[in-house]
Amino acid sequence: MTEPVVETEKLSKFYGDFKAVDGISFQIGQGECFGLLGPNGAGKTTTIRMLYGYTPLSSGSLKIFGRDIRQDLRAVKQHIGVCQQEDNLDPDLSVLQNLLVFARYFDIPRALARQRAEELLRFFALEGRSGANIRELSGGMKRRLVLARALLNEPKLLILDEPTTGLDPQSRHQVWERLEELKTRGLTILLTSHYLEEAARLCDRLIIIDHGRIIVEGAPAELVARYVGREVIEVVAPTEEMRDFLKRQRADFEDLGHRLVVYNQNGDELFIHLAKDFCRRGCTLRQATLEDVFLRLTGRELRE
């Protein structure tokens, strides 16, 4: 078995008495896309920032490529690519110049930097905009350029902090397709996202954290099967008679007052019965998703 690319043990970050990250442990294998999910304020971004050395850890251990990040941060950074939430491109430079200037941080020779930059612009379908000013780019183009920049040093680990937030569906799917291609090349990826469809599509394994702690870990499909089942029935304006029936059937459901979410493990029989005898405004039967798991485990209330 190869050594993990990322290995954390009881990783913690405290701000006074507040525990932003509270003793989490996980490993990321070579060539794996690993997801880090959680509600706002769960500790995702703090964890990510510790991984690329922006935020020092309070306690625990963190190794990347087998190196202790507290002792070998400079060497580790040479082999990490980071795509942050913000589009922190230089608005005074062209698309190509943004990449060439960034290459200097890694002491990449000028000719090689240009070669890599042009290859990445082609890969992200930006070659036609190489001379354009950053202000002329759409949101989707900017995100693709930030991704290209993160790959300029040919990293062994790519860290993506909500890479498609704010993008329209077409731009989001373009980014997903490029990330899937990078996965086939064996690149190790760490992904945080609020798009559960994105995590389900890209991640081989993931963890969900809340209040700084890991609450679940596994492959997306495995977590859906374990915590939700095959299908979900949604009922609008449920009656007390329906609630009593579900309780008698010992059905697994959440009562949201104006709506019921029923986790269906037993085929279509329950749905047919509800639709025929109880649903005044109709029942919806759909496939269970990772979003159902996320909401069930972290709650449905709004977070600051």
C-alpha atoms as a PDB file:
ATOM      1  CA  MET A   1       0.000   0.000   0.000  1.00  0.00           C
ATOM      2  CA  THR A   2       1.366   3.420  -0.968  1.00  0.00           C
ATOM      3  CA  GLU A   3       1.877   6.120   1.628  1.00  0.00           C
ATOM      4  CA  PRO A   4      -1.090   8.525   1.938  1.00  0.00           C
ATOM      5  CA  VAL A   5      -0.721  11.863   0.187  1.00  0.00           C
ATOM      6  CA  VAL A   6      -2.442  13.562   3.136  1.00  0.00           C
ATOM      7  CA  GLU A   7      -2.534  12.165   6.670  1.00  0.00           C
ATOM      8  CA  THR A   8      -4.062  14.012   9.613  1.00  0.00           C
ATOM      9  CA  GLU A   9      -4.245  12.784  13.194  1.00  0.00           C
ATOM     10  CA  LYS A  10      -6.383  14.645  15.751  1.00  0.00           C
ATOM     11  CA  LEU A  11      -5.950  17.849  13.757  1.00  0.00           C
ATOM     12  CA  SER A  12      -7.248  20.849  15.724  1.00  0.00           C
ATOM     13  CA  LYS A  13      -7.489  24.605  15.455  1.00  0.00           C
ATOM     14  CA  PHE A  14      -8.613  26.722  18.401  1.00  0.00           C
ATOM     15  CA  TYR A  15      -9.298  30.448  18.588  1.00  0.00           C
ATOM     16  CA  GLY A  16      -9.357  31.071  22.314  1.00  0.00           C
ATOM     17  CA  ASP A  17     -12.131  28.855  23.663  1.00  0.00           C
ATOM     18  CA  PHE A  18     -13.687  28.349  20.229  1.00  0.00           C
ATOM     19  CA  LYS A  19     -12.851  25.029  18.580  1.00  0.00           C
ATOM     20  CA  ALA A  20     -12.987  25.641  14.823  1.00  0.00           C
ATOM     21  CA  VAL A  21     -11.541  22.187  14.107  1.00  0.00           C
ATOM     22  CA  ASP A  22     -11.722  19.677  16.914  1.00  0.00           C
ATOM     23  CA  GLY A  23      -9.487  16.632  16.563  1.00  0.00           C
ATOM     24  CA  ILE A  24     -10.263  15.307  13.088  1.00  0.00           C
ATOM     25  CA  SER A  25      -8.348  12.410  11.522  1.00  0.00           C
ATOM     26  CA  PHE A  26      -8.433  11.278   7.890  1.00  0.00           C
ATOM     27  CA  GLN A  27      -6.207  10.102   5.053  1.00  0.00           C
ATOM     28  CA  ILE A  28      -6.214  10.804   1.319  1.00  0.00           C
ATOM     29  CA  GLY A  29      -4.719   8.204  -0.986  1.00  0.00           C
ATOM     30  CA  GLN A  30      -2.739   8.695  -4.182  1.00  0.00           C
ATOM     31  CA  GLY A  31      -5.007   9.543  -7.128  1.00  0.00           C
ATOM     32  CA  GLU A  32      -8.096   9.898  -4.954  1.00  0.00           C
ATOM     33  CA  CYS A  33     -10.655  12.705  -5.071  1.00  0.00           C
ATOM     34  CA  PHE A  34     -11.555  13.300  -1.432  1.00  0.00           C
ATOM     35  CA  GLY A  35     -14.446  15.510  -0.388  1.00  0.00           C
ATOM     36  CA  LEU A  36     -14.690  17.724   2.696  1.00  0.00           C
ATOM     37  CA  LEU A  37     -18.303  18.753   3.263  1.00  0.00           C
ATOM     38  CA  GLY A  38     -20.168  20.574   6.001  1.00  0.00           C
ATOM     39  CA  PRO A  39     -22.517  23.492   6.744  1.00  0.00           C
ATOM     40  CA  ASN A  40     -21.312  27.071   7.025  1.00  0.00           C
ATOM     41  CA  GLY A  41     -19.032  27.401  10.031  1.00  0.00           C
ATOM     42  CA  ALA A  42     -18.391  23.657  10.267  1.00  0.00           C
ATOM     43  CA  GLY A  43     -14.603  24.044   9.966  1.00  0.00           C
ATOM     44  CA  LYS A  44     -14.071  23.218   6.279  1.00  0.00           C
ATOM     45  CA  THR A  45     -12.167  26.321   5.233  1.00  0.00           C
ATOM     46  CA  THR A  46     -10.075  26.307   8.415  1.00  0.00           C
ATOM     47  CA  THR A  47      -9.069  22.716   7.681  1.00  0.00           C
ATOM     48  CA  ILE A  48      -8.204  23.582   4.089  1.00  0.00           C
ATOM     49  CA  ARG A  49      -6.103  26.549   5.192  1.00  0.00           C
ATOM     50  CA  MET A  50      -4.136  24.366   7.587  1.00  0.00           C
ATOM     51  CA  LEU A  51      -3.476  21.910   4.762  1.00  0.00           C
ATOM     52  CA  TYR A  52      -1.795  24.468   2.524  1.00  0.00           C
ATOM     53  CA  GLY A  53      -0.006  26.223   5.359  1.00  0.00           C
ATOM     54  CA  TYR A  54      -1.993  29.461   5.551  1.00  0.00           C
ATOM     55  CA  THR A  55      -3.257  28.742   9.082  1.00  0.00           C
ATOM     56  CA  PRO A  56      -1.001  27.067  11.683  1.00  0.00           C
ATOM     57  CA  LEU A  57      -2.523  24.091  13.484  1.00  0.00           C
ATOM     58  CA  SER A  58      -3.098  24.292  17.236  1.00  0.00           C
ATOM     59  CA  SER A  59      -2.526  20.602  17.930  1.00  0.00           C
ATOM     60  CA  GLY A  60      -2.422  17.191  16.304  1.00  0.00           C
ATOM     61  CA  SER A  61      -0.344  16.174  13.308  1.00  0.00           C
ATOM     62  CA  LEU A  62      -0.538  16.893   9.594  1.00  0.00           C
ATOM     63  CA  LYS A  63       1.633  15.170   7.002  1.00  0.00           C
ATOM     64  CA  ILE A  64       1.570  15.786   3.263  1.00  0.00           C
ATOM     65  CA  PHE A  65       3.688  13.579   0.993  1.00  0.00           C
ATOM     66  CA  GLY A  66       4.985  12.013   4.212  1.00  0.00           C
ATOM     67  CA  ARG A  67       6.415  15.350   5.428  1.00  0.00           C
ATOM     68  CA  ASP A  68       5.380  17.153   8.592  1.00  0.00           C
ATOM     69  CA  ILE A  69       3.956  20.433   7.338  1.00  0.00           C
ATOM     70  CA  ARG A  70       5.275  22.329  10.364  1.00  0.00           C
ATOM     71  CA  GLN A  71       8.836  21.342   9.508  1.00  0.00           C
ATOM     72  CA  ASP A  72       8.805  21.132   5.699  1.00  0.00           C
ATOM     73  CA  LEU A  73       6.169  23.654   4.629  1.00  0.00           C
ATOM     74  CA  ARG A  74       8.278  25.204   1.863  1.00  0.00           C
ATOM     75  CA  ALA A  75       9.038  21.823   0.282  1.00  0.00           C
ATOM     76  CA  VAL A  76       5.395  20.743   0.566  1.00  0.00           C
ATOM     77  CA  LYS A  77       4.082  23.941  -1.049  1.00  0.00           C
ATOM     78  CA  GLN A  78       6.156  23.292  -4.159  1.00  0.00           C
ATOM     79  CA  HIS A  79       3.930  20.317  -4.950  1.00  0.00           C
ATOM     80  CA  ILE A  80       0.504  21.720  -3.998  1.00  0.00           C
ATOM     81  CA  GLY A  81      -1.928  23.616  -6.200  1.00  0.00           C
ATOM     82  CA  VAL A  82      -4.622  25.700  -4.507  1.00  0.00           C
ATOM     83  CA  CYS A  83      -7.845  27.055  -5.964  1.00  0.00           C
ATOM     84  CA  GLN A  84      -9.317  29.352  -3.328  1.00  0.00           C
ATOM     85  CA  GLN A  85     -12.918  30.544  -3.079  1.00  0.00           C
ATOM     86  CA  GLU A  86     -12.004  34.052  -4.209  1.00  0.00           C
ATOM     87  CA  ASP A  87     -11.056  34.950  -7.779  1.00  0.00           C
ATOM     88  CA  ASN A  88      -7.847  36.702  -6.717  1.00  0.00           C
ATOM     89  CA  LEU A  89      -6.551  37.309 -10.227  1.00  0.00           C
ATOM     90  CA  ASP A  90      -4.584  40.466 -11.052  1.00  0.00           C
ATOM     91  CA  PRO A  91      -7.000  42.781 -12.942  1.00  0.00           C
ATOM     92  CA  ASP A  92      -4.127  44.789 -14.402  1.00  0.00           C
ATOM     93  CA  LEU A  93      -2.688  41.819 -16.286  1.00  0.00           C
ATOM     94  CA  SER A  94      -3.904  39.777 -19.220  1.00  0.00           C
ATOM     95  CA  VAL A  95      -4.999  36.171 -18.928  1.00  0.00           C
ATOM     96  CA  LEU A  96      -1.623  34.840 -20.066  1.00  0.00           C
ATOM     97  CA  GLN A  97       0.326  37.337 -17.963  1.00  0.00           C
ATOM     98  CA  ASN A  98      -1.523  36.190 -14.822  1.00  0.00           C
ATOM     99  CA  LEU A  99      -0.130  32.714 -15.390  1.00  0.00           C
ATOM    100  CA  LEU A 100       3.384  33.800 -16.336  1.00  0.00           C
ATOM    101  CA  VAL A 101       3.754  36.064 -13.293  1.00  0.00           C
ATOM    102  CA  PHE A 102       2.443  33.323 -11.004  1.00  0.00           C
ATOM    103  CA  ALA A 103       5.024  30.887 -12.425  1.00  0.00           C
ATOM    104  CA  ARG A 104       7.785  33.032 -10.928  1.00  0.00           C
ATOM    105  CA  TYR A 105       6.754  31.983  -7.418  1.00  0.00           C
ATOM    106  CA  PHE A 106       7.869  28.466  -8.326  1.00  0.00           C
ATOM    107  CA  ASP A 107      11.035  29.509 -10.194  1.00  0.00           C
ATOM    108  CA  ILE A 108       9.695  27.943 -13.385  1.00  0.00           C
ATOM    109  CA  PRO A 109      11.935  28.972 -16.322  1.00  0.00           C
ATOM    110  CA  ARG A 110      10.284  31.506 -18.625  1.00  0.00           C
ATOM    111  CA  ALA A 111      10.091  29.278 -21.705  1.00  0.00           C
ATOM    112  CA  LEU A 112       8.686  26.352 -19.712  1.00  0.00           C
ATOM    113  CA  ALA A 113       6.211  28.634 -17.951  1.00  0.00           C
ATOM    114  CA  ARG A 114       4.869  29.880 -21.287  1.00  0.00           C
ATOM    115  CA  GLN A 115       4.608  26.328 -22.610  1.00  0.00           C
ATOM    116  CA  ARG A 116       2.672  25.151 -19.557  1.00  0.00           C
ATOM    117  CA  ALA A 117       0.478  28.262 -19.539  1.00  0.00           C
ATOM    118  CA  GLU A 118      -0.505  27.804 -23.177  1.00  0.00           C
ATOM    119  CA  GLU A 119      -1.226  24.101 -22.620  1.00  0.00           C
ATOM    120  CA  LEU A 120      -3.447  24.897 -19.630  1.00  0.00           C
ATOM    121  CA  LEU A 121      -5.300  27.631 -21.497  1.00  0.00           C
ATOM    122  CA  ARG A 122      -6.093  25.100 -24.218  1.00  0.00           C
ATOM    123  CA  PHE A 123      -7.136  22.518 -21.624  1.00  0.00           C
ATOM    124  CA  PHE A 124      -9.593  24.970 -20.045  1.00  0.00           C
ATOM    125  CA  ALA A 125     -10.783  26.337 -23.424  1.00  0.00           C
ATOM    126  CA  LEU A 126      -9.303  29.796 -22.784  1.00  0.00           C
ATOM    127  CA  GLU A 127      -6.678  29.957 -25.535  1.00  0.00           C
ATOM    128  CA  GLY A 128      -8.747  32.468 -27.483  1.00  0.00           C
ATOM    129  CA  ARG A 129      -8.724  34.871 -24.507  1.00  0.00           C
ATOM    130  CA  SER A 130      -5.005  34.740 -23.653  1.00  0.00           C
ATOM    131  CA  GLY A 131      -4.525  38.441 -24.418  1.00  0.00           C
ATOM    132  CA  ALA A 132      -7.760  39.590 -22.793  1.00  0.00           C
ATOM    133  CA  ASN A 133      -7.857  41.658 -19.621  1.00  0.00           C
ATOM    134  CA  ILE A 134      -9.253  39.889 -16.552  1.00  0.00           C
ATOM    135  CA  ARG A 135     -12.118  42.385 -16.395  1.00  0.00           C
ATOM    136  CA  GLU A 136     -13.373  41.100 -19.760  1.00  0.00           C
ATOM    137  CA  LEU A 137     -13.864  37.531 -18.536  1.00  0.00           C
ATOM    138  CA  SER A 138     -17.118  35.963 -17.387  1.00  0.00           C
ATOM    139  CA  GLY A 139     -17.354  34.364 -13.961  1.00  0.00           C
ATOM    140  CA  GLY A 140     -16.944  30.898 -15.457  1.00  0.00           C
ATOM    141  CA  MET A 141     -13.840  31.927 -17.385  1.00  0.00           C
ATOM    142  CA  LYS A 142     -12.272  33.409 -14.262  1.00  0.00           C
ATOM    143  CA  ARG A 143     -12.841  30.208 -12.307  1.00  0.00           C
ATOM    144  CA  ARG A 144     -11.291  28.155 -15.108  1.00  0.00           C
ATOM    145  CA  LEU A 145      -8.310  30.501 -15.128  1.00  0.00           C
ATOM    146  CA  VAL A 146      -7.859  30.174 -11.361  1.00  0.00           C
ATOM    147  CA  LEU A 147      -7.872  26.396 -11.838  1.00  0.00           C
ATOM    148  CA  ALA A 148      -5.316  26.683 -14.630  1.00  0.00           C
ATOM    149  CA  ARG A 149      -3.117  28.786 -12.368  1.00  0.00           C
ATOM    150  CA  ALA A 150      -3.348  26.171  -9.597  1.00  0.00           C
ATOM    151  CA  LEU A 151      -2.013  23.544 -12.030  1.00  0.00           C
ATOM    152  CA  LEU A 152       0.867  25.610 -13.373  1.00  0.00           C
ATOM    153  CA  ASN A 153       3.457  24.036 -11.043  1.00  0.00           C
ATOM    154  CA  GLU A 154       2.238  20.506 -11.968  1.00  0.00           C
ATOM    155  CA  PRO A 155       1.124  19.758  -8.390  1.00  0.00           C
ATOM    156  CA  LYS A 156       0.812  16.305  -6.892  1.00  0.00           C
ATOM    157  CA  LEU A 157      -2.097  17.529  -4.737  1.00  0.00           C
ATOM    158  CA  LEU A 158      -4.793  19.924  -5.956  1.00  0.00           C
ATOM    159  CA  ILE A 159      -6.831  21.659  -3.232  1.00  0.00           C
ATOM    160  CA  LEU A 160     -10.165  23.064  -4.410  1.00  0.00           C
ATOM    161  CA  ASP A 161     -12.107  25.273  -2.001  1.00  0.00           C
ATOM    162  CA  GLU A 162     -15.627  25.559  -3.469  1.00  0.00           C
ATOM    163  CA  PRO A 163     -14.325  25.823  -7.051  1.00  0.00           C
ATOM    164  CA  THR A 164     -17.710  26.315  -8.770  1.00  0.00           C
ATOM    165  CA  THR A 165     -19.563  28.560  -6.327  1.00  0.00           C
ATOM    166  CA  GLY A 166     -21.593  31.189  -8.167  1.00  0.00           C
ATOM    167  CA  LEU A 167     -21.243  29.620 -11.609  1.00  0.00           C
ATOM    168  CA  ASP A 168     -24.112  28.990 -13.983  1.00  0.00           C
ATOM    169  CA  PRO A 169     -24.929  25.316 -14.766  1.00  0.00           C
ATOM    170  CA  GLN A 170     -23.035  25.293 -18.088  1.00  0.00           C
ATOM    171  CA  SER A 171     -19.850  26.703 -16.550  1.00  0.00           C
ATOM    172  CA  ARG A 172     -20.137  24.358 -13.587  1.00  0.00           C
ATOM    173  CA  HIS A 173     -20.377  21.306 -15.825  1.00  0.00           C
ATOM    174  CA  GLN A 174     -17.387  22.498 -17.866  1.00  0.00           C
ATOM    175  CA  VAL A 175     -15.302  22.640 -14.691  1.00  0.00           C
ATOM    176  CA  TRP A 176     -16.537  19.193 -13.633  1.00  0.00           C
ATOM    177  CA  GLU A 177     -15.501  17.695 -16.969  1.00  0.00           C
ATOM    178  CA  ARG A 178     -11.998  19.135 -16.639  1.00  0.00           C
ATOM    179  CA  LEU A 179     -11.668  17.849 -13.074  1.00  0.00           C
ATOM    180  CA  GLU A 180     -12.810  14.390 -14.158  1.00  0.00           C
ATOM    181  CA  GLU A 181     -10.114  14.382 -16.811  1.00  0.00           C
ATOM    182  CA  LEU A 182      -7.507  15.368 -14.207  1.00  0.00           C
ATOM    183  CA  LYS A 183      -8.695  12.448 -12.062  1.00  0.00           C
ATOM    184  CA  THR A 184      -8.067  10.025 -14.932  1.00  0.00           C
ATOM    185  CA  ARG A 185      -4.469  11.319 -15.034  1.00  0.00           C
ATOM    186  CA  GLY A 186      -3.993  10.254 -11.404  1.00  0.00           C
ATOM    187  CA  LEU A 187      -3.988  13.677  -9.764  1.00  0.00           C
ATOM    188  CA  THR A 188      -4.923  13.658  -6.069  1.00  0.00           C
ATOM    189  CA  ILE A 189      -7.703  16.153  -5.345  1.00  0.00           C
ATOM    190  CA  LEU A 190      -9.153  17.550  -2.128  1.00  0.00           C
ATOM    191  CA  LEU A 191     -12.519  19.205  -2.727  1.00  0.00           C
ATOM    192  CA  THR A 192     -14.823  21.305  -0.583  1.00  0.00           C
ATOM    193  CA  SER A 193     -18.202  22.194  -2.019  1.00  0.00           C
ATOM    194  CA  HIS A 194     -21.729  23.261  -1.166  1.00  0.00           C
ATOM    195  CA  TYR A 195     -22.952  21.524  -4.321  1.00  0.00           C
ATOM    196  CA  LEU A 196     -23.772  17.996  -3.190  1.00  0.00           C
ATOM    197  CA  GLU A 197     -24.251  16.884  -6.806  1.00  0.00           C
ATOM    198  CA  GLU A 198     -20.666  17.992  -7.436  1.00  0.00           C
ATOM    199  CA  ALA A 199     -19.333  15.968  -4.512  1.00  0.00           C
ATOM    200  CA  ALA A 200     -21.338  12.883  -5.494  1.00  0.00           C
ATOM    201  CA  ARG A 201     -20.070  13.091  -9.061  1.00  0.00           C
ATOM    202  CA  LEU A 202     -16.392  13.763  -8.381  1.00  0.00           C
ATOM    203  CA  CYS A 203     -15.499  12.278  -4.986  1.00  0.00           C
ATOM    204  CA  ASP A 204     -14.305   8.731  -4.390  1.00  0.00           C
ATOM    205  CA  ARG A 205     -14.661   9.237  -0.636  1.00  0.00           C
ATOM    206  CA  LEU A 206     -15.719  12.112   1.566  1.00  0.00           C
ATOM    207  CA  ILE A 207     -16.211  13.245   5.116  1.00  0.00           C
ATOM    208  CA  ILE A 208     -18.970  15.469   6.487  1.00  0.00           C
ATOM    209  CA  ILE A 209     -17.900  17.656   9.380  1.00  0.00           C
ATOM    210  CA  ASP A 210     -20.018  19.754  11.710  1.00  0.00           C
ATOM    211  CA  HIS A 211     -18.966  21.892  14.656  1.00  0.00           C
ATOM    212  CA  GLY A 212     -15.359  21.006  13.867  1.00  0.00           C
ATOM    213  CA  ARG A 213     -15.801  17.233  14.089  1.00  0.00           C
ATOM    214  CA  ILE A 214     -16.216  14.436  11.561  1.00  0.00           C
ATOM    215  CA  ILE A 215     -19.714  12.989  11.744  1.00  0.00           C
ATOM    216  CA  VAL A 216     -19.496  10.519   8.853  1.00  0.00           C
ATOM    217  CA  GLU A 217     -17.000   9.152   6.311  1.00  0.00           C
ATOM    218  CA  GLY A 218     -17.392   6.965   3.232  1.00  0.00           C
ATOM    219  CA  ALA A 219     -18.071   6.749  -0.495  1.00  0.00           C
ATOM    220  CA  PRO A 220     -21.040   8.880  -1.660  1.00  0.00           C
ATOM    221  CA  ALA A 221     -23.195   5.961  -2.833  1.00  0.00           C
ATOM    222  CA  GLU A 222     -22.414   4.010   0.326  1.00  0.00           C
ATOM    223  CA  LEU A 223     -23.496   6.912   2.546  1.00  0.00           C
ATOM    224  CA  VAL A 224     -26.747   7.361   0.630  1.00  0.00           C
ATOM    225  CA  ALA A 225     -27.565   3.670   1.010  1.00  0.00           C
ATOM    226  CA  ARG A 226     -26.641   3.661   4.705  1.00  0.00           C
ATOM    227  CA  TYR A 227     -28.448   6.786   5.901  1.00  0.00           C
ATOM    228  CA  VAL A 228     -31.302   7.290   3.454  1.00  0.00           C
ATOM    229  CA  GLY A 229     -31.942   4.263   1.301  1.00  0.00           C
ATOM    230  CA  ARG A 230     -32.905   3.913  -2.324  1.00  0.00           C
ATOM    231  CA  GLU A 231     -35.744   6.414  -2.635  1.00  0.00           C
ATOM    232  CA  VAL A 232     -37.324   9.427  -0.957  1.00  0.00           C
ATOM    233  CA  ILE A 233     -41.027  10.236  -0.856  1.00  0.00           C
ATOM    234  CA  GLU A 234     -41.935  13.905  -0.378  1.00  0.00           C
ATOM    235  CA  VAL A 235     -45.449  14.818   0.757  1.00  0.00           C
ATOM    236  CA  VAL A 236     -46.824  18.369   0.795  1.00  0.00           C
ATOM    237  CA  ALA A 237     -49.517  19.310   3.336  1.00  0.00           C
ATOM    238  CA  PRO A 238     -49.641  15.931   5.104  1.00  0.00           C
ATOM    239  CA  THR A 239     -52.655  14.982   7.217  1.00  0.00           C
ATOM    240  CA  GLU A 240     -52.615  13.667  10.767  1.00  0.00           C
ATOM    241  CA  GLU A 241     -54.102  10.470   9.393  1.00  0.00           C
ATOM    242  CA  MET A 242     -51.058  10.027   7.172  1.00  0.00           C
ATOM    243  CA  ARG A 243     -48.679  10.696  10.057  1.00  0.00           C
ATOM    244  CA  ASP A 244     -50.465   8.073  12.159  1.00  0.00           C
ATOM    245  CA  PHE A 245     -50.261   5.588   9.300  1.00  0.00           C
ATOM    246  CA  LEU A 246     -46.517   6.118   8.862  1.00  0.00           C
ATOM    247  CA  LYS A 247     -45.957   5.686  12.588  1.00  0.00           C
ATOM    248  CA  ARG A 248     -47.928   2.440  12.587  1.00  0.00           C
ATOM    249  CA  GLN A 249     -45.844   1.248   9.632  1.00  0.00           C
ATOM    250  CA  ARG A 250     -42.695   2.255  11.532  1.00  0.00           C
ATOM    251  CA  ALA A 251     -41.658   4.206   8.469  1.00  0.00           C
ATOM    252  CA  ASP A 252     -38.495   6.257   8.617  1.00  0.00           C
ATOM    253  CA  PHE A 253     -39.496   9.892   8.042  1.00  0.00           C
ATOM    254  CA  GLU A 254     -38.854  13.502   8.977  1.00  0.00           C
ATOM    255  CA  ASP A 255     -41.803  15.700   9.861  1.00  0.00           C
ATOM    256  CA  LEU A 256     -41.170  19.274   8.757  1.00  0.00           C
ATOM    257  CA  GLY A 257     -44.690  20.426   9.566  1.00  0.00           C
ATOM    258  CA  HIS A 258     -45.835  21.522   6.115  1.00  0.00           C
ATOM    259  CA  ARG A 259     -43.987  18.631   4.478  1.00  0.00           C
ATOM    260  CA  LEU A 260     -42.941  15.055   5.180  1.00  0.00           C
ATOM    261  CA  VAL A 261     -39.740  13.476   3.914  1.00  0.00           C
ATOM    262  CA  VAL A 262     -40.097   9.697   3.953  1.00  0.00           C
ATOM    263  CA  TYR A 263     -37.004   7.529   3.523  1.00  0.00           C
ATOM    264  CA  ASN A 264     -38.193   4.517   1.582  1.00  0.00           C
ATOM    265  CA  GLN A 265     -36.226   1.285   1.803  1.00  0.00           C
ATOM    266  CA  ASN A 266     -38.928  -1.128   0.632  1.00  0.00           C
ATOM    267  CA  GLY A 267     -39.728  -0.544  -3.039  1.00  0.00           C
ATOM    268  CA  ASP A 268     -42.858   1.122  -4.440  1.00  0.00           C
ATOM    269  CA  GLU A 269     -45.495  -0.378  -2.153  1.00  0.00           C
ATOM    270  CA  LEU A 270     -45.394   2.398   0.448  1.00  0.00           C
ATOM    271  CA  PHE A 271     -45.483   5.137  -2.199  1.00  0.00           C
ATOM    272  CA  ILE A 272     -48.460   3.531  -3.977  1.00  0.00           C
ATOM    273  CA  HIS A 273     -50.349   3.252  -0.683  1.00  0.00           C
ATOM    274  CA  LEU A 274     -49.655   6.882   0.279  1.00  0.00           C
ATOM    275  CA  ALA A 275     -50.554   8.213  -3.164  1.00  0.00           C
ATOM    276  CA  LYS A 276     -53.780   6.224  -3.325  1.00  0.00           C
ATOM    277  CA  ASP A 277     -55.150   6.684   0.180  1.00  0.00           C
ATOM    278  CA  PHE A 278     -53.608   9.795   1.752  1.00  0.00           C
ATOM    279  CA  CYS A 279     -52.050  12.324  -0.629  1.00  0.00           C
ATOM    280  CA  ARG A 280     -54.431  15.202  -1.238  1.00  0.00           C
ATOM    281  CA  ARG A 281     -51.959  17.276  -3.224  1.00  0.00           C
ATOM    282  CA  GLY A 282     -49.819  14.441  -4.537  1.00  0.00           C
ATOM    283  CA  CYS A 283     -46.715  12.627  -3.448  1.00  0.00           C
ATOM    284  CA  THR A 284     -43.333  12.839  -5.153  1.00  0.00           C
ATOM    285  CA  LEU A 285     -41.120   9.792  -5.446  1.00  0.00           C
ATOM    286  CA  ARG A 286     -37.477  10.396  -6.335  1.00  0.00           C
ATOM    287  CA  GLN A 287     -34.083   8.771  -6.054  1.00  0.00           C
ATOM    288  CA  ALA A 288     -32.220   9.416  -2.806  1.00  0.00           C
ATOM    289  CA  THR A 289     -29.189  11.707  -3.070  1.00  0.00           C
ATOM    290  CA  LEU A 290     -26.162  12.802  -1.095  1.00  0.00           C
ATOM    291  CA  GLU A 291     -28.033  16.017  -0.294  1.00  0.00           C
ATOM    292  CA  ASP A 292     -30.579  13.956   1.658  1.00  0.00           C
ATOM    293  CA  VAL A 293     -27.739  12.482   3.707  1.00  0.00           C
ATOM    294  CA  PHE A 294     -26.238  15.920   4.313  1.00  0.00           C
ATOM    295  CA  LEU A 295     -29.505  17.478   5.484  1.00  0.00           C
ATOM    296  CA  ARG A 296     -30.404  14.504   7.630  1.00  0.00           C
ATOM    297  CA  LEU A 297     -27.082  14.504   9.465  1.00  0.00           C
ATOM    298  CA  THR A 298     -26.445  18.247   9.787  1.00  0.00           C
ATOM    299  CA  GLY A 299     -30.009  19.547  10.088  1.00  0.00           C
ATOM    300  CA  ARG A 300     -32.116  21.854   7.973  1.00  0.00           C
ATOM    301  CA  GLU A 301     -31.872  25.088   9.944  1.00  0.00           C
ATOM    302  CA  LEU A 302     -30.094  28.088   8.470  1.00  0.00           C
ATOM    303  CA  ARG A 303     -26.526  28.755   9.619  1.00  0.00           C
ATOM    304  CA  GLU A 304     -24.769  32.104   9.867  1.00  0.00           C
END
